[in-house]
Amino acid sequence: MAFVTLTSACFLCRKLFSYNPVRVPSVMVRDQREPLCRRCVEWANRARAAKGLPTWTIHPDSYEAVDEREVPWPE
């Protein structure tokens, strides 16, 4: 058994971070999911709540390794 984390730049702040590719909060940009770091999601959630909008969920394992069997690998 193996575990997977991805590392890339946050779509908003461009800082590198590691995350669970299945659970990380993301936004769709040109039909592609773009990951968001915890700090940016927390910032966005404060702004969304202040405007009365629903906040985004941060799963407990969003920024942890995931079992490779849970990753939908491309064919």
Protein backbone atom coordinates (compact mmCIF):
# COMPACT_ATOMS: atom_id res chain seq x y z
CA MET A 1 0.00 0.00 0.00
CA ALA A 2 1.19 3.52 -0.78
CA PHE A 3 0.05 7.01 0.04
CA VAL A 4 -0.20 10.04 -2.24
CA THR A 5 0.15 13.77 -1.76
CA LEU A 6 0.40 16.35 -4.49
CA THR A 7 2.42 19.53 -4.29
CA SER A 8 1.61 22.56 -6.37
CA ALA A 9 0.96 26.27 -6.14
CA CYS A 10 -2.26 27.55 -4.58
CA PHE A 11 -4.42 29.10 -7.29
CA LEU A 12 -4.92 32.29 -5.25
CA CYS A 13 -1.65 33.03 -3.42
CA ARG A 14 0.70 30.95 -5.65
CA LYS A 15 2.54 29.51 -2.61
CA LEU A 16 3.53 25.84 -2.83
CA PHE A 17 1.66 23.42 -0.58
CA SER A 18 0.96 19.69 -0.30
CA TYR A 19 -2.53 18.25 -0.36
CA ASN A 20 -4.84 15.29 -0.78
CA PRO A 21 -5.86 15.39 -4.47
CA VAL A 22 -9.26 13.86 -3.68
CA ARG A 23 -10.33 16.20 -0.85
CA VAL A 24 -8.53 19.53 -1.33
CA PRO A 25 -10.86 22.52 -1.78
CA SER A 26 -10.59 23.81 -5.33
CA VAL A 27 -12.12 26.11 -7.90
CA MET A 28 -12.89 25.33 -11.53
CA VAL A 29 -10.89 27.39 -14.02
CA ARG A 30 -11.24 26.65 -17.72
CA ASP A 31 -12.72 23.21 -16.97
CA GLN A 32 -9.83 22.27 -14.65
CA ARG A 33 -9.79 21.98 -10.86
CA GLU A 34 -7.30 24.39 -9.27
CA PRO A 35 -6.31 23.67 -5.63
CA LEU A 36 -6.54 26.18 -2.79
CA CYS A 37 -4.30 26.19 0.29
CA ARG A 38 -5.83 26.16 3.77
CA ARG A 39 -4.92 29.79 4.43
CA CYS A 40 -6.69 31.00 1.28
CA VAL A 41 -9.79 28.87 1.94
CA GLU A 42 -10.00 30.25 5.49
CA TRP A 43 -9.62 33.81 4.13
CA ALA A 44 -12.28 33.19 1.46
CA ASN A 45 -14.62 31.64 4.04
CA ARG A 46 -14.43 34.75 6.24
CA ALA A 47 -15.25 36.93 3.21
CA ARG A 48 -18.06 34.62 2.10
CA ALA A 49 -19.59 34.48 5.60
CA ALA A 50 -19.47 38.29 5.87
CA LYS A 51 -21.51 38.47 2.65
CA GLY A 52 -23.99 35.84 3.83
CA LEU A 53 -22.71 33.23 1.35
CA PRO A 54 -22.16 29.58 2.24
CA THR A 55 -18.61 28.72 3.25
CA TRP A 56 -16.46 26.02 1.66
CA THR A 57 -15.87 22.81 3.60
CA ILE A 58 -12.33 21.85 4.58
CA HIS A 59 -12.29 18.08 5.09
CA PRO A 60 -10.04 16.95 7.97
CA ASP A 61 -7.75 15.17 5.52
CA SER A 62 -7.65 17.86 2.81
CA TYR A 63 -3.98 18.54 3.43
CA GLU A 64 -2.86 15.01 4.37
CA ALA A 65 -1.75 11.98 2.37
CA VAL A 66 -4.43 9.75 0.84
CA ASP A 67 -4.40 6.00 0.23
CA GLU A 68 -3.48 5.47 -3.43
CA ARG A 69 -6.57 3.28 -3.88
CA GLU A 70 -8.80 6.35 -3.36
CA VAL A 71 -7.19 8.37 -6.16
CA PRO A 72 -9.08 8.26 -9.49
CA TRP A 73 -6.04 7.72 -11.72
CA PRO A 74 -6.50 8.64 -15.40
CA GLU A 75 -6.73 5.72 -17.80
